[in-house]
Amino acid sequence: MPKIYHLFMLLIVFVSCKDNKVILEDRQESEWAMVASELPMKIALNGKSNALVEDWLAFKAFDVSFDRMYDATYREDLVLIIEDLVENQKALERTKYPIEFDIPQVKGRQKVLKTFILKAKGDLEYRQDPKVSIEQMITAYNSLRNQFNVEVNNTLLEELIIKE
């Protein structure tokens, strides 16, 4: 019995002395840098629309925080940017719109944008791939900006539209 015990202990010592190299990777998730370069770009405002939003401080703040999304390197950066977008979007809802943009078409597109911002925030909180929801958010933002351009370039009188 003692021979078996010593043989068993010797076997345990040999097995436990095996060189196991444990490599701990201390890296941050940098996969967002690749995804950020693949995102669609936002559309430009034309001259008339740009002149109207120059004095709209809440929209300018929202636009600046939206631009920061393209410079995000890590997922944590993106989480902070989306949280900032949520706050700026709430401030944008509370402010007074320029007269040309104080219409249901613009406000409806802003609500759709809010929905996709919150969807992207949820994807980031639950550690899901945010690429699709962020592309949808950019599409909604482009739709809002395009509506600004359409409203400024609209030359039909409102009375004519109502009569028909």
Protein backbone atom coordinates (compact mmCIF):
# COMPACT_ATOMS: atom_id res chain seq x y z
CA MET A 1 0.00 0.00 0.00
CA PRO A 2 2.72 2.56 0.82
CA LYS A 3 4.36 1.89 -2.57
CA ILE A 4 1.11 2.72 -4.35
CA TYR A 5 0.73 5.84 -2.22
CA HIS A 6 4.26 7.03 -3.05
CA LEU A 7 3.77 6.24 -6.72
CA PHE A 8 0.51 8.17 -6.75
CA MET A 9 2.13 11.19 -5.01
CA LEU A 10 5.04 11.09 -7.45
CA LEU A 11 2.61 11.08 -10.37
CA ILE A 12 0.77 14.09 -8.93
CA VAL A 13 4.03 15.97 -8.50
CA PHE A 14 5.06 15.33 -12.12
CA VAL A 15 1.68 16.35 -13.46
CA SER A 16 1.53 19.50 -11.38
CA CYS A 17 5.05 20.58 -12.35
CA LYS A 18 4.19 20.68 -16.01
CA ASP A 19 4.98 24.07 -17.57
CA ASN A 20 1.63 25.72 -18.11
CA LYS A 21 2.09 29.15 -19.48
CA VAL A 22 -0.94 31.20 -18.69
CA ILE A 23 -1.14 34.19 -20.94
CA LEU A 24 -3.45 36.91 -19.79
CA GLU A 25 -4.39 39.30 -22.50
CA ASP A 26 -4.79 42.81 -21.27
CA ARG A 27 -6.35 44.38 -24.30
CA GLN A 28 -9.37 46.53 -24.75
CA GLU A 29 -12.04 45.83 -27.27
CA SER A 30 -10.91 47.73 -30.32
CA GLU A 31 -13.26 46.17 -32.82
CA TRP A 32 -15.27 49.39 -32.92
CA ALA A 33 -12.50 51.17 -34.83
CA MET A 34 -13.10 48.87 -37.77
CA VAL A 35 -16.87 49.29 -37.57
CA ALA A 36 -16.71 53.10 -37.27
CA SER A 37 -14.90 53.36 -40.58
CA GLU A 38 -17.69 51.40 -42.30
CA LEU A 39 -20.54 53.63 -41.10
CA PRO A 40 -22.44 55.74 -43.63
CA MET A 41 -21.63 59.42 -43.59
CA LYS A 42 -24.21 62.01 -42.64
CA ILE A 43 -25.63 64.16 -45.40
CA ALA A 44 -24.82 67.83 -45.63
CA LEU A 45 -27.26 70.64 -45.05
CA ASN A 46 -27.70 73.09 -47.89
CA GLY A 47 -26.96 76.79 -47.43
CA LYS A 48 -30.46 77.86 -46.37
CA SER A 49 -30.87 75.05 -43.86
CA ASN A 50 -27.40 75.61 -42.47
CA ALA A 51 -28.16 79.31 -41.95
CA LEU A 52 -31.32 78.42 -40.00
CA VAL A 53 -29.65 75.93 -37.67
CA GLU A 54 -26.67 78.23 -36.95
CA ASP A 55 -28.66 79.99 -34.22
CA TRP A 56 -30.27 76.78 -32.92
CA LEU A 57 -27.80 75.97 -30.15
CA ALA A 58 -29.42 72.72 -29.06
CA PHE A 59 -29.19 71.30 -32.57
CA LYS A 60 -25.57 72.40 -32.91
CA ALA A 61 -24.72 70.62 -29.63
CA PHE A 62 -26.52 67.50 -30.85
CA ASP A 63 -24.70 67.66 -34.18
CA VAL A 64 -21.30 67.98 -32.49
CA SER A 65 -21.95 64.99 -30.22
CA PHE A 66 -23.19 63.00 -33.23
CA ASP A 67 -19.93 63.75 -35.09
CA ARG A 68 -17.92 62.37 -32.17
CA MET A 69 -19.36 58.92 -32.90
CA TYR A 70 -17.20 58.64 -36.01
CA ASP A 71 -14.05 59.21 -33.93
CA ALA A 72 -14.84 56.56 -31.30
CA THR A 73 -12.12 53.97 -30.91
CA TYR A 74 -13.42 51.67 -28.19
CA ARG A 75 -16.81 50.38 -27.19
CA GLU A 76 -16.66 52.33 -23.93
CA ASP A 77 -16.18 55.56 -25.87
CA LEU A 78 -19.25 54.74 -27.90
CA VAL A 79 -21.29 54.12 -24.74
CA LEU A 80 -20.39 57.59 -23.45
CA ILE A 81 -21.17 59.20 -26.80
CA ILE A 82 -24.59 57.52 -27.01
CA GLU A 83 -25.40 58.66 -23.47
CA ASP A 84 -24.42 62.19 -24.49
CA LEU A 85 -26.63 61.88 -27.57
CA VAL A 86 -29.59 60.88 -25.38
CA GLU A 87 -29.10 63.95 -23.19
CA ASN A 88 -28.66 66.29 -26.15
CA GLN A 89 -31.72 64.82 -27.87
CA LYS A 90 -33.82 65.48 -24.75
CA ALA A 91 -32.55 69.07 -24.72
CA LEU A 92 -33.34 69.38 -28.42
CA GLU A 93 -36.94 68.28 -27.79
CA ARG A 94 -37.38 70.92 -25.10
CA THR A 95 -36.03 73.84 -27.13
CA LYS A 96 -37.98 76.06 -29.44
CA TYR A 97 -37.66 75.08 -33.08
CA PRO A 98 -37.03 77.61 -35.82
CA ILE A 99 -40.32 78.60 -37.47
CA GLU A 100 -39.54 76.74 -40.70
CA PHE A 101 -38.79 73.52 -38.79
CA ASP A 102 -41.63 73.70 -36.26
CA ILE A 103 -43.72 71.22 -38.24
CA PRO A 104 -44.90 67.65 -37.62
CA GLN A 105 -42.63 66.22 -40.35
CA VAL A 106 -39.51 67.36 -38.53
CA LYS A 107 -40.76 66.46 -35.06
CA GLY A 108 -41.80 62.99 -36.25
CA ARG A 109 -38.37 62.31 -37.71
CA GLN A 110 -36.82 63.46 -34.47
CA LYS A 111 -38.93 60.92 -32.54
CA VAL A 112 -37.79 58.18 -34.91
CA LEU A 113 -34.19 59.28 -34.33
CA LYS A 114 -34.77 59.13 -30.57
CA THR A 115 -36.05 55.56 -30.95
CA PHE A 116 -32.92 54.44 -32.78
CA ILE A 117 -30.63 56.22 -30.32
CA LEU A 118 -32.29 54.32 -27.49
CA LYS A 119 -32.05 51.07 -29.48
CA ALA A 120 -28.30 51.61 -29.93
CA LYS A 121 -27.96 52.37 -26.23
CA GLY A 122 -29.77 49.13 -25.39
CA ASP A 123 -27.53 47.13 -27.71
CA LEU A 124 -24.46 48.57 -26.02
CA GLU A 125 -25.81 47.93 -22.53
CA TYR A 126 -26.57 44.29 -23.32
CA ARG A 127 -23.23 43.78 -25.11
CA GLN A 128 -24.83 43.07 -28.46
CA ASP A 129 -23.42 44.12 -31.80
CA PRO A 130 -24.48 47.79 -32.19
CA LYS A 131 -23.57 48.08 -35.87
CA VAL A 132 -27.09 47.60 -37.27
CA SER A 133 -28.79 49.90 -34.76
CA ILE A 134 -26.17 52.61 -35.27
CA GLU A 135 -26.60 52.40 -39.04
CA GLN A 136 -30.35 52.80 -38.50
CA MET A 137 -29.69 55.76 -36.21
CA ILE A 138 -27.51 57.42 -38.86
CA THR A 139 -30.20 56.78 -41.48
CA ALA A 140 -32.80 58.41 -39.22
CA TYR A 141 -30.49 61.39 -38.62
CA ASN A 142 -29.90 61.74 -42.36
CA SER A 143 -33.66 61.67 -42.87
CA LEU A 144 -34.06 64.50 -40.34
CA ARG A 145 -31.36 66.55 -42.04
CA ASN A 146 -32.88 65.84 -45.45
CA GLN A 147 -36.26 67.04 -44.16
CA PHE A 148 -34.60 70.32 -43.19
CA ASN A 149 -33.39 70.67 -46.78
CA VAL A 150 -36.80 69.76 -48.21
CA GLU A 151 -38.66 72.26 -46.03
CA VAL A 152 -36.32 75.10 -46.91
CA ASN A 153 -36.49 74.34 -50.64
CA ASN A 154 -40.27 73.91 -50.64
CA THR A 155 -41.64 76.71 -52.84
CA LEU A 156 -45.32 75.71 -52.81
CA LEU A 157 -47.61 77.93 -50.84
CA GLU A 158 -49.28 76.19 -47.93
CA GLU A 159 -52.67 77.64 -48.88
CA LEU A 160 -52.51 75.94 -52.27
CA ILE A 161 -51.72 72.60 -50.67
CA ILE A 162 -54.63 72.91 -48.23
CA LYS A 163 -57.15 73.88 -50.96
CA GLU A 164 -56.33 70.86 -53.09
